[in-house]
PDB file of N, CA and C in Angstrom:
ATOM      1  N   UNK A   1      -0.892 -48.075 227.580  1.00  0.00           N
ATOM      2  CA  UNK A   1      -1.806 -48.627 228.545  1.00  0.00           C
ATOM      3  C   UNK A   1      -3.034 -47.722 228.698  1.00  0.00           C
ATOM      4  N   UNK A   2      -2.811 -46.417 228.736  1.00  0.00           N
ATOM      5  CA  UNK A   2      -3.934 -45.483 228.844  1.00  0.00           C
ATOM      6  C   UNK A   2      -4.850 -45.624 227.631  1.00  0.00           C
ATOM      7  N   UNK A   3      -4.256 -45.832 226.459  1.00  0.00           N
ATOM      8  CA  UNK A   3      -5.049 -45.992 225.240  1.00  0.00           C
ATOM      9  C   UNK A   3      -5.911 -47.239 225.328  1.00  0.00           C
ATOM     10  N   UNK A   4      -5.339 -48.332 225.803  1.00  0.00           N
ATOM     11  CA  UNK A   4      -6.098 -49.577 225.920  1.00  0.00           C
ATOM     12  C   UNK A   4      -7.249 -49.398 226.910  1.00  0.00           C
ATOM     13  N   UNK A   5      -6.985 -48.726 228.048  1.00  0.00           N
ATOM     14  CA  UNK A   5      -8.047 -48.483 229.031  1.00  0.00           C
ATOM     15  C   UNK A   5      -9.147 -47.605 228.454  1.00  0.00           C
ATOM     16  N   UNK A   6      -8.759 -46.601 227.687  1.00  0.00           N
ATOM     17  CA  UNK A   6      -9.753 -45.725 227.061  1.00  0.00           C
ATOM     18  C   UNK A   6     -10.600 -46.507 226.067  1.00  0.00           C
ATOM     19  N   UNK A   7      -9.942 -47.363 225.290  1.00  0.00           N
ATOM     20  CA  UNK A   7     -10.678 -48.181 224.323  1.00  0.00           C
ATOM     21  C   UNK A   7     -11.619 -49.152 225.039  1.00  0.00           C
ATOM     22  N   UNK A   8     -11.162 -49.719 226.164  1.00  0.00           N
ATOM     23  CA  UNK A   8     -11.995 -50.663 226.919  1.00  0.00           C
ATOM     24  C   UNK A   8     -13.268 -49.967 227.414  1.00  0.00           C
ATOM     25  N   UNK A   9     -13.128 -48.700 227.858  1.00  0.00           N
ATOM     26  CA  UNK A   9     -14.295 -47.943 228.309  1.00  0.00           C
ATOM     27  C   UNK A   9     -15.298 -47.755 227.183  1.00  0.00           C
ATOM     28  N   UNK A  10     -14.828 -47.731 225.960  1.00  0.00           N
ATOM     29  CA  UNK A  10     -15.706 -47.586 224.789  1.00  0.00           C
ATOM     30  C   UNK A  10     -16.220 -48.934 224.292  1.00  0.00           C
ATOM     31  N   UNK A  11     -15.822 -50.007 224.958  1.00  0.00           N
ATOM     32  CA  UNK A  11     -16.290 -51.333 224.562  1.00  0.00           C
ATOM     33  C   UNK A  11     -15.382 -52.026 223.567  1.00  0.00           C
ATOM     34  N   UNK A  12     -14.176 -51.531 223.373  1.00  0.00           N
ATOM     35  CA  UNK A  12     -13.231 -52.129 222.425  1.00  0.00           C
ATOM     36  C   UNK A  12     -12.205 -52.936 223.219  1.00  0.00           C
ATOM     37  N   UNK A  13     -11.939 -54.148 222.783  1.00  0.00           N
ATOM     38  CA  UNK A  13     -10.942 -54.998 223.432  1.00  0.00           C
ATOM     39  C   UNK A  13      -9.700 -55.092 222.554  1.00  0.00           C
ATOM     40  N   UNK A  14      -8.570 -55.463 223.158  1.00  0.00           N
ATOM     41  CA  UNK A  14      -7.280 -55.556 222.468  1.00  0.00           C
ATOM     42  C   UNK A  14      -6.892 -57.018 222.321  1.00  0.00           C
ATOM     43  N   UNK A  15      -6.549 -57.418 221.092  1.00  0.00           N
ATOM     44  CA  UNK A  15      -6.063 -58.767 220.833  1.00  0.00           C
ATOM     45  C   UNK A  15      -4.791 -58.634 220.010  1.00  0.00           C
ATOM     46  N   UNK A  16      -3.668 -59.107 220.568  1.00  0.00           N
ATOM     47  CA  UNK A  16      -2.400 -59.091 219.845  1.00  0.00           C
ATOM     48  C   UNK A  16      -2.164 -60.476 219.281  1.00  0.00           C
ATOM     49  N   UNK A  17      -2.002 -60.566 217.985  1.00  0.00           N
ATOM     50  CA  UNK A  17      -1.807 -61.858 217.351  1.00  0.00           C
ATOM     51  C   UNK A  17      -0.389 -62.381 217.521  1.00  0.00           C
ATOM     52  N   UNK A  18       0.593 -61.479 217.620  1.00  0.00           N
ATOM     53  CA  UNK A  18       1.986 -61.931 217.718  1.00  0.00           C
ATOM     54  C   UNK A  18       2.409 -62.263 219.140  1.00  0.00           C
ATOM     55  N   UNK A  19       1.843 -61.580 220.154  1.00  0.00           N
ATOM     56  CA  UNK A  19       2.223 -61.840 221.542  1.00  0.00           C
ATOM     57  C   UNK A  19       1.206 -62.711 222.273  1.00  0.00           C
ATOM     58  N   UNK A  20       0.153 -63.107 221.619  1.00  0.00           N
ATOM     59  CA  UNK A  20      -0.903 -63.937 222.203  1.00  0.00           C
ATOM     60  C   UNK A  20      -1.508 -63.280 223.440  1.00  0.00           C
ATOM     61  N   UNK A  21      -1.773 -61.990 223.350  1.00  0.00           N
ATOM     62  CA  UNK A  21      -2.440 -61.264 224.425  1.00  0.00           C
ATOM     63  C   UNK A  21      -3.861 -60.954 223.963  1.00  0.00           C
ATOM     64  N   UNK A  22      -4.820 -61.338 224.783  1.00  0.00           N
ATOM     65  CA  UNK A  22      -6.225 -61.114 224.465  1.00  0.00           C
ATOM     66  C   UNK A  22      -6.891 -60.535 225.699  1.00  0.00           C
ATOM     67  N   UNK A  23      -7.201 -59.237 225.676  1.00  0.00           N
ATOM     68  CA  UNK A  23      -7.750 -58.583 226.867  1.00  0.00           C
ATOM     69  C   UNK A  23      -9.218 -58.917 227.095  1.00  0.00           C
ATOM     70  N   UNK A  24      -9.795 -59.736 226.231  1.00  0.00           N
ATOM     71  CA  UNK A  24     -11.174 -60.151 226.461  1.00  0.00           C
ATOM     72  C   UNK A  24     -11.240 -61.249 227.522  1.00  0.00           C
ATOM     73  N   UNK A  25     -10.102 -61.887 227.839  1.00  0.00           N
ATOM     74  CA  UNK A  25     -10.058 -62.923 228.866  1.00  0.00           C
ATOM     75  C   UNK A  25      -9.348 -62.381 230.101  1.00  0.00           C
ATOM     76  N   UNK A  26      -9.664 -62.917 231.276  1.00  0.00           N
ATOM     77  CA  UNK A  26      -8.994 -62.449 232.488  1.00  0.00           C
ATOM     78  C   UNK A  26      -7.479 -62.671 232.451  1.00  0.00           C
ATOM     79  N   UNK A  27      -7.039 -63.819 231.942  1.00  0.00           N
ATOM     80  CA  UNK A  27      -5.599 -64.101 231.878  1.00  0.00           C
ATOM     81  C   UNK A  27      -4.902 -63.166 230.883  1.00  0.00           C
ATOM     82  N   UNK A  28      -5.529 -62.897 229.753  1.00  0.00           N
ATOM     83  CA  UNK A  28      -4.951 -61.981 228.769  1.00  0.00           C
ATOM     84  C   UNK A  28      -4.838 -60.575 229.317  1.00  0.00           C
ATOM     85  N   UNK A  29      -5.865 -60.145 230.046  1.00  0.00           N
ATOM     86  CA  UNK A  29      -5.826 -58.828 230.670  1.00  0.00           C
ATOM     87  C   UNK A  29      -4.715 -58.754 231.705  1.00  0.00           C
ATOM     88  N   UNK A  30      -4.555 -59.823 232.495  1.00  0.00           N
ATOM     89  CA  UNK A  30      -3.494 -59.880 233.495  1.00  0.00           C
ATOM     90  C   UNK A  30      -2.120 -59.792 232.836  1.00  0.00           C
ATOM     91  N   UNK A  31      -1.881 -60.560 231.791  1.00  0.00           N
ATOM     92  CA  UNK A  31      -0.591 -60.550 231.079  1.00  0.00           C
ATOM     93  C   UNK A  31      -0.326 -59.161 230.507  1.00  0.00           C
ATOM     94  N   UNK A  32      -1.363 -58.541 229.956  1.00  0.00           N
ATOM     95  CA  UNK A  32      -1.192 -57.200 229.396  1.00  0.00           C
ATOM     96  C   UNK A  32      -0.768 -56.211 230.478  1.00  0.00           C
ATOM     97  N   UNK A  33      -1.432 -56.257 231.638  1.00  0.00           N
ATOM     98  CA  UNK A  33      -1.105 -55.325 232.717  1.00  0.00           C
ATOM     99  C   UNK A  33       0.300 -55.569 233.266  1.00  0.00           C
ATOM    100  N   UNK A  34       0.691 -56.824 233.393  1.00  0.00           N
ATOM    101  CA  UNK A  34       2.051 -57.143 233.862  1.00  0.00           C
ATOM    102  C   UNK A  34       3.080 -56.615 232.865  1.00  0.00           C
ATOM    103  N   UNK A  35       2.848 -56.828 231.581  1.00  0.00           N
ATOM    104  CA  UNK A  35       3.769 -56.343 230.544  1.00  0.00           C
ATOM    105  C   UNK A  35       3.850 -54.822 230.566  1.00  0.00           C
ATOM    106  N   UNK A  36       2.719 -54.159 230.707  1.00  0.00           N
ATOM    107  CA  UNK A  36       2.711 -52.695 230.757  1.00  0.00           C
ATOM    108  C   UNK A  36       3.447 -52.190 231.998  1.00  0.00           C
ATOM    109  N   UNK A  37       3.263 -52.864 233.131  1.00  0.00           N
ATOM    110  CA  UNK A  37       3.949 -52.452 234.363  1.00  0.00           C
ATOM    111  C   UNK A  37       5.455 -52.629 234.223  1.00  0.00           C
ATOM    112  N   UNK A  38       5.892 -53.719 233.603  1.00  0.00           N
ATOM    113  CA  UNK A  38       7.329 -53.937 233.387  1.00  0.00           C
ATOM    114  C   UNK A  38       7.910 -52.881 232.442  1.00  0.00           C
ATOM    115  N   UNK A  39       7.158 -52.525 231.428  1.00  0.00           N
ATOM    116  CA  UNK A  39       7.625 -51.484 230.498  1.00  0.00           C
ATOM    117  C   UNK A  39       7.756 -50.141 231.217  1.00  0.00           C
ATOM    118  N   UNK A  40       6.789 -49.814 232.074  1.00  0.00           N
ATOM    119  CA  UNK A  40       6.859 -48.571 232.832  1.00  0.00           C
ATOM    120  C   UNK A  40       8.039 -48.577 233.797  1.00  0.00           C
ATOM    121  N   UNK A  41       8.288 -49.712 234.435  1.00  0.00           N
ATOM    122  CA  UNK A  41       9.438 -49.848 235.329  1.00  0.00           C
ATOM    123  C   UNK A  41      10.742 -49.632 234.560  1.00  0.00           C
ATOM    124  N   UNK A  42      10.848 -50.238 233.393  1.00  0.00           N
ATOM    125  CA  UNK A  42      12.059 -50.090 232.576  1.00  0.00           C
ATOM    126  C   UNK A  42      12.278 -48.635 232.179  1.00  0.00           C
ATOM    127  N   UNK A  43      11.214 -47.932 231.781  1.00  0.00           N
ATOM    128  CA  UNK A  43      11.340 -46.504 231.439  1.00  0.00           C
ATOM    129  C   UNK A  43      11.829 -45.700 232.635  1.00  0.00           C
ATOM    130  N   UNK A  44      11.304 -46.008 233.805  1.00  0.00           N
ATOM    131  CA  UNK A  44      11.720 -45.287 235.015  1.00  0.00           C
ATOM    132  C   UNK A  44      13.184 -45.546 235.343  1.00  0.00           C
ATOM    133  N   UNK A  45      13.612 -46.784 235.186  1.00  0.00           N
ATOM    134  CA  UNK A  45      15.014 -47.133 235.454  1.00  0.00           C
ATOM    135  C   UNK A  45      15.937 -46.415 234.472  1.00  0.00           C
ATOM    136  N   UNK A  46      15.561 -46.394 233.212  1.00  0.00           N
ATOM    137  CA  UNK A  46      16.374 -45.711 232.193  1.00  0.00           C
ATOM    138  C   UNK A  46      16.458 -44.221 232.513  1.00  0.00           C
ATOM    139  N   UNK A  47      15.326 -43.615 232.887  1.00  0.00           N
ATOM    140  CA  UNK A  47      15.304 -42.191 233.228  1.00  0.00           C
ATOM    141  C   UNK A  47      16.223 -41.923 234.427  1.00  0.00           C
ATOM    142  N   UNK A  48      16.143 -42.772 235.446  1.00  0.00           N
ATOM    143  CA  UNK A  48      16.971 -42.611 236.643  1.00  0.00           C
ATOM    144  C   UNK A  48      18.452 -42.742 236.320  1.00  0.00           C
ATOM    145  N   UNK A  49      18.804 -43.718 235.510  1.00  0.00           N
ATOM    146  CA  UNK A  49      20.212 -43.914 235.134  1.00  0.00           C
ATOM    147  C   UNK A  49      20.724 -42.759 234.295  1.00  0.00           C
ATOM    148  N   UNK A  50      19.886 -42.246 233.408  1.00  0.00           N
ATOM    149  CA  UNK A  50      20.293 -41.110 232.573  1.00  0.00           C
ATOM    150  C   UNK A  50      20.571 -39.891 233.432  1.00  0.00           C
ATOM    151  N   UNK A  51      19.667 -39.608 234.371  1.00  0.00           N
ATOM    152  CA  UNK A  51      19.874 -38.458 235.262  1.00  0.00           C
ATOM    153  C   UNK A  51      21.130 -38.624 236.099  1.00  0.00           C
ATOM    154  N   UNK A  52      21.361 -39.829 236.600  1.00  0.00           N
ATOM    155  CA  UNK A  52      22.562 -40.078 237.411  1.00  0.00           C
ATOM    156  C   UNK A  52      23.819 -39.906 236.563  1.00  0.00           C
ATOM    157  N   UNK A  53      23.786 -40.370 235.328  1.00  0.00           N
ATOM    158  CA  UNK A  53      24.931 -40.229 234.438  1.00  0.00           C
ATOM    159  C   UNK A  53      25.227 -38.778 234.119  1.00  0.00           C
ATOM    160  N   UNK A  54      24.177 -37.994 233.869  1.00  0.00           N
ATOM    161  CA  UNK A  54      24.364 -36.571 233.586  1.00  0.00           C
ATOM    162  C   UNK A  54      24.909 -35.842 234.807  1.00  0.00           C
ATOM    163  N   UNK A  55      24.398 -36.177 235.989  1.00  0.00           N
ATOM    164  CA  UNK A  55      24.898 -35.547 237.217  1.00  0.00           C
ATOM    165  C   UNK A  55      26.354 -35.906 237.452  1.00  0.00           C
ATOM    166  N   UNK A  56      26.712 -37.148 237.178  1.00  0.00           N
ATOM    167  CA  UNK A  56      28.101 -37.591 237.338  1.00  0.00           C
ATOM    168  C   UNK A  56      29.023 -36.854 236.368  1.00  0.00           C
ATOM    169  N   UNK A  57      28.574 -36.695 235.144  1.00  0.00           N
ATOM    170  CA  UNK A  57      29.378 -35.982 234.147  1.00  0.00           C
ATOM    171  C   UNK A  57      29.554 -34.520 234.549  1.00  0.00           C
ATOM    172  N   UNK A  58      28.480 -33.894 235.044  1.00  0.00           N
ATOM    173  CA  UNK A  58      28.584 -32.504 235.499  1.00  0.00           C
ATOM    174  C   UNK A  58      29.560 -32.390 236.663  1.00  0.00           C
ATOM    175  N   UNK A  59      29.536 -33.370 237.570  1.00  0.00           N
ATOM    176  CA  UNK A  59      30.447 -33.348 238.719  1.00  0.00           C
ATOM    177  C   UNK A  59      31.899 -33.468 238.282  1.00  0.00           C
ATOM    178  N   UNK A  60      32.127 -34.131 237.138  1.00  0.00           N
ATOM    179  CA  UNK A  60      33.486 -34.257 236.602  1.00  0.00           C
ATOM    180  C   UNK A  60      33.869 -33.068 235.731  1.00  0.00           C
ATOM    181  N   UNK A  61      32.946 -32.097 235.595  1.00  0.00           N
ATOM    182  CA  UNK A  61      33.255 -30.882 234.847  1.00  0.00           C
ATOM    183  C   UNK A  61      32.857 -30.912 233.386  1.00  0.00           C
ATOM    184  N   UNK A  62      32.144 -31.929 232.960  1.00  0.00           N
ATOM    185  CA  UNK A  62      31.714 -32.003 231.567  1.00  0.00           C
ATOM    186  C   UNK A  62      30.444 -31.186 231.375  1.00  0.00           C
ATOM    187  N   UNK A  63      30.355 -30.535 230.244  1.00  0.00           N
ATOM    188  CA  UNK A  63      29.155 -29.784 229.903  1.00  0.00           C
ATOM    189  C   UNK A  63      28.432 -30.524 228.795  1.00  0.00           C
ATOM    190  N   UNK A  64      27.126 -30.494 228.850  1.00  0.00           N
ATOM    191  CA  UNK A  64      26.339 -31.134 227.806  1.00  0.00           C
ATOM    192  C   UNK A  64      26.090 -30.190 226.658  1.00  0.00           C
ATOM    193  N   UNK A  65      25.556 -30.718 225.601  1.00  0.00           N
ATOM    194  CA  UNK A  65      25.187 -29.893 224.458  1.00  0.00           C
ATOM    195  C   UNK A  65      26.276 -29.807 223.405  1.00  0.00           C
ATOM    196  N   UNK A  66      25.939 -29.090 222.376  1.00  0.00           N
ATOM    197  CA  UNK A  66      26.842 -28.932 221.250  1.00  0.00           C
ATOM    198  C   UNK A  66      27.960 -27.943 221.603  1.00  0.00           C
ATOM    199  N   UNK A  67      29.195 -28.244 221.185  1.00  0.00           N
ATOM    200  CA  UNK A  67      30.300 -27.313 221.453  1.00  0.00           C
ATOM    201  C   UNK A  67      30.078 -25.979 220.722  1.00  0.00           C
ATOM    202  N   UNK A  68      30.534 -24.915 221.325  1.00  0.00           N
ATOM    203  CA  UNK A  68      30.402 -23.590 220.717  1.00  0.00           C
ATOM    204  C   UNK A  68      31.309 -23.501 219.486  1.00  0.00           C
ATOM    205  N   UNK A  69      30.815 -22.819 218.482  1.00  0.00           N
ATOM    206  CA  UNK A  69      31.553 -22.667 217.240  1.00  0.00           C
ATOM    207  C   UNK A  69      32.720 -21.688 217.404  1.00  0.00           C
ATOM    208  N   UNK A  70      32.487 -20.603 218.140  1.00  0.00           N
ATOM    209  CA  UNK A  70      33.519 -19.587 218.343  1.00  0.00           C
ATOM    210  C   UNK A  70      33.686 -19.320 219.841  1.00  0.00           C
ATOM    211  N   UNK A  71      34.920 -19.064 220.248  1.00  0.00           N
ATOM    212  CA  UNK A  71      35.160 -18.729 221.657  1.00  0.00           C
ATOM    213  C   UNK A  71      34.923 -17.228 221.871  1.00  0.00           C
ATOM    214  N   UNK A  72      35.065 -16.777 223.108  1.00  0.00           N
ATOM    215  CA  UNK A  72      34.781 -15.372 223.439  1.00  0.00           C
ATOM    216  C   UNK A  72      35.694 -14.400 222.698  1.00  0.00           C
ATOM    217  N   UNK A  73      36.957 -14.747 222.541  1.00  0.00           N
ATOM    218  CA  UNK A  73      37.904 -13.877 221.839  1.00  0.00           C
ATOM    219  C   UNK A  73      37.480 -13.710 220.380  1.00  0.00           C
ATOM    220  N   UNK A  74      37.066 -14.820 219.750  1.00  0.00           N
ATOM    221  CA  UNK A  74      36.624 -14.747 218.356  1.00  0.00           C
ATOM    222  C   UNK A  74      35.342 -13.924 218.228  1.00  0.00           C
ATOM    223  N   UNK A  75      34.433 -14.048 219.201  1.00  0.00           N
ATOM    224  CA  UNK A  75      33.207 -13.258 219.150  1.00  0.00           C
ATOM    225  C   UNK A  75      33.497 -11.767 219.301  1.00  0.00           C
ATOM    226  N   UNK A  76      34.482 -11.422 220.118  1.00  0.00           N
ATOM    227  CA  UNK A  76      34.854 -10.002 220.235  1.00  0.00           C
ATOM    228  C   UNK A  76      35.392  -9.485 218.900  1.00  0.00           C
ATOM    229  N   UNK A  77      36.165 -10.329 218.209  1.00  0.00           N
ATOM    230  CA  UNK A  77      36.694  -9.940 216.894  1.00  0.00           C
ATOM    231  C   UNK A  77      35.558  -9.780 215.882  1.00  0.00           C
ATOM    232  N   UNK A  78      34.590 -10.674 215.934  1.00  0.00           N
ATOM    233  CA  UNK A  78      33.435 -10.568 215.043  1.00  0.00           C
ATOM    234  C   UNK A  78      32.687  -9.270 215.332  1.00  0.00           C
ATOM    235  N   UNK A  79      32.472  -8.978 216.602  1.00  0.00           N
ATOM    236  CA  UNK A  79      31.768  -7.754 216.989  1.00  0.00           C
ATOM    237  C   UNK A  79      32.512  -6.523 216.468  1.00  0.00           C
ATOM    238  N   UNK A  80      33.850  -6.529 216.549  1.00  0.00           N
ATOM    239  CA  UNK A  80      34.663  -5.417 216.054  1.00  0.00           C
ATOM    240  C   UNK A  80      34.473  -5.258 214.551  1.00  0.00           C
ATOM    241  N   UNK A  81      34.474  -6.378 213.831  1.00  0.00           N
ATOM    242  CA  UNK A  81      34.280  -6.317 212.379  1.00  0.00           C
ATOM    243  C   UNK A  81      32.888  -5.804 212.018  1.00  0.00           C
ATOM    244  N   UNK A  82      31.892  -6.238 212.747  1.00  0.00           N
ATOM    245  CA  UNK A  82      30.529  -5.790 212.484  1.00  0.00           C
ATOM    246  C   UNK A  82      30.419  -4.292 212.751  1.00  0.00           C
ATOM    247  N   UNK A  83      30.984  -3.844 213.860  1.00  0.00           N
ATOM    248  CA  UNK A  83      30.918  -2.419 214.211  1.00  0.00           C
ATOM    249  C   UNK A  83      31.678  -1.550 213.215  1.00  0.00           C
ATOM    250  N   UNK A  84      32.762  -2.086 212.641  1.00  0.00           N
ATOM    251  CA  UNK A  84      33.553  -1.322 211.673  1.00  0.00           C
ATOM    252  C   UNK A  84      32.813  -1.152 210.345  1.00  0.00           C
ATOM    253  N   UNK A  85      31.865  -2.026 210.067  1.00  0.00           N
ATOM    254  CA  UNK A  85      31.046  -1.975 208.844  1.00  0.00           C
ATOM    255  C   UNK A  85      31.869  -1.994 207.558  1.00  0.00           C
ATOM    256  N   UNK A  86      33.023  -2.620 207.606  1.00  0.00           N
ATOM    257  CA  UNK A  86      33.842  -2.752 206.400  1.00  0.00           C
ATOM    258  C   UNK A  86      33.475  -4.009 205.623  1.00  0.00           C
ATOM    259  N   UNK A  87      32.967  -5.014 206.327  1.00  0.00           N
ATOM    260  CA  UNK A  87      32.551  -6.273 205.704  1.00  0.00           C
ATOM    261  C   UNK A  87      31.077  -6.513 206.004  1.00  0.00           C
ATOM    262  N   UNK A  88      30.435  -7.250 205.116  1.00  0.00           N
ATOM    263  CA  UNK A  88      29.045  -7.620 205.383  1.00  0.00           C
ATOM    264  C   UNK A  88      29.022  -8.790 206.376  1.00  0.00           C
ATOM    265  N   UNK A  89      27.855  -9.015 206.937  1.00  0.00           N
ATOM    266  CA  UNK A  89      27.701 -10.138 207.861  1.00  0.00           C
ATOM    267  C   UNK A  89      28.032 -11.448 207.138  1.00  0.00           C
ATOM    268  N   UNK A  90      27.612 -11.566 205.895  1.00  0.00           N
ATOM    269  CA  UNK A  90      27.881 -12.783 205.121  1.00  0.00           C
ATOM    270  C   UNK A  90      29.388 -12.992 204.935  1.00  0.00           C
ATOM    271  N   UNK A  91      30.117 -11.929 204.675  1.00  0.00           N
ATOM    272  CA  UNK A  91      31.572 -12.042 204.506  1.00  0.00           C
ATOM    273  C   UNK A  91      32.254 -12.422 205.815  1.00  0.00           C
ATOM    274  N   UNK A  92      31.781 -11.844 206.914  1.00  0.00           N
ATOM    275  CA  UNK A  92      32.349 -12.193 208.225  1.00  0.00           C
ATOM    276  C   UNK A  92      32.045 -13.660 208.540  1.00  0.00           C
ATOM    277  N   UNK A  93      30.836 -14.093 208.207  1.00  0.00           N
ATOM    278  CA  UNK A  93      30.439 -15.483 208.460  1.00  0.00           C
ATOM    279  C   UNK A  93      31.340 -16.447 207.697  1.00  0.00           C
ATOM    280  N   UNK A  94      31.645 -16.128 206.449  1.00  0.00           N
ATOM    281  CA  UNK A  94      32.540 -16.983 205.653  1.00  0.00           C
ATOM    282  C   UNK A  94      33.924 -17.019 206.281  1.00  0.00           C
ATOM    283  N   UNK A  95      34.401 -15.876 206.710  1.00  0.00           N
ATOM    284  CA  UNK A  95      35.734 -15.767 207.305  1.00  0.00           C
ATOM    285  C   UNK A  95      35.845 -16.626 208.577  1.00  0.00           C
ATOM    286  N   UNK A  96      34.766 -16.692 209.370  1.00  0.00           N
ATOM    287  CA  UNK A  96      34.804 -17.431 210.634  1.00  0.00           C
ATOM    288  C   UNK A  96      34.137 -18.809 210.549  1.00  0.00           C
ATOM    289  N   UNK A  97      33.743 -19.213 209.354  1.00  0.00           N
ATOM    290  CA  UNK A  97      33.152 -20.544 209.113  1.00  0.00           C
ATOM    291  C   UNK A  97      31.893 -20.777 209.942  1.00  0.00           C
ATOM    292  N   UNK A  98      31.042 -19.758 209.997  1.00  0.00           N
ATOM    293  CA  UNK A  98      29.737 -19.876 210.639  1.00  0.00           C
ATOM    294  C   UNK A  98      28.688 -19.337 209.676  1.00  0.00           C
ATOM    295  N   UNK A  99      27.436 -19.563 209.999  1.00  0.00           N
ATOM    296  CA  UNK A  99      26.383 -19.020 209.135  1.00  0.00           C
ATOM    297  C   UNK A  99      26.083 -17.582 209.552  1.00  0.00           C
ATOM    298  N   UNK A 100      25.559 -16.794 208.634  1.00  0.00           N
ATOM    299  CA  UNK A 100      25.155 -15.431 209.008  1.00  0.00           C
ATOM    300  C   UNK A 100      24.118 -15.443 210.138  1.00  0.00           C
ATOM    301  N   UNK A 101      23.259 -16.447 210.147  1.00  0.00           N
ATOM    302  CA  UNK A 101      22.244 -16.545 211.203  1.00  0.00           C
ATOM    303  C   UNK A 101      22.896 -16.684 212.576  1.00  0.00           C
ATOM    304  N   UNK A 102      24.007 -17.388 212.646  1.00  0.00           N
ATOM    305  CA  UNK A 102      24.725 -17.537 213.917  1.00  0.00           C
ATOM    306  C   UNK A 102      25.187 -16.184 214.418  1.00  0.00           C
ATOM    307  N   UNK A 103      25.696 -15.363 213.524  1.00  0.00           N
ATOM    308  CA  UNK A 103      26.182 -14.030 213.907  1.00  0.00           C
ATOM    309  C   UNK A 103      25.007 -13.155 214.327  1.00  0.00           C
ATOM    310  N   UNK A 104      23.945 -13.150 213.523  1.00  0.00           N
ATOM    311  CA  UNK A 104      22.775 -12.333 213.874  1.00  0.00           C
ATOM    312  C   UNK A 104      22.204 -12.766 215.226  1.00  0.00           C
ATOM    313  N   UNK A 105      22.134 -14.067 215.455  1.00  0.00           N
ATOM    314  CA  UNK A 105      21.588 -14.582 216.727  1.00  0.00           C
ATOM    315  C   UNK A 105      22.427 -14.109 217.909  1.00  0.00           C
ATOM    316  N   UNK A 106      23.724 -14.159 217.755  1.00  0.00           N
ATOM    317  CA  UNK A 106      24.616 -13.745 218.844  1.00  0.00           C
ATOM    318  C   UNK A 106      24.534 -12.235 219.067  1.00  0.00           C
ATOM    319  N   UNK A 107      24.420 -11.481 217.981  1.00  0.00           N
ATOM    320  CA  UNK A 107      24.364 -10.018 218.102  1.00  0.00           C
ATOM    321  C   UNK A 107      23.062  -9.562 218.775  1.00  0.00           C
ATOM    322  N   UNK A 108      21.997 -10.326 218.573  1.00  0.00           N
ATOM    323  CA  UNK A 108      20.712  -9.917 219.140  1.00  0.00           C
ATOM    324  C   UNK A 108      20.578 -10.271 220.613  1.00  0.00           C
ATOM    325  N   UNK A 109      21.471 -11.107 221.113  1.00  0.00           N
ATOM    326  CA  UNK A 109      21.357 -11.504 222.535  1.00  0.00           C
ATOM    327  C   UNK A 109      22.141 -10.607 223.447  1.00  0.00           C
TER     328      UNK A 109
END
């Protein structure tokens, strides 16, 4: 809608051949604005429902996002192996089925 308004200020009108909307006429402009308002309302409703769903899931104890690859006990074991310097990071990564970048990222935090 903002794009259409910007174009109108420059003297450009919008004509949709498939939806029969022509902003050069008062009725076409009215239909366009009603359609845009309904689309904005729908986006707002979807956003509101999504937030409510996420809040409900959090209240039930669910966490969002990707599950962690390793638990705290496994990370302590990885840290012990890294500190012992008997294996390379790549070898430890293979052993724990993670990428070396995952280990480096965790070690740097």
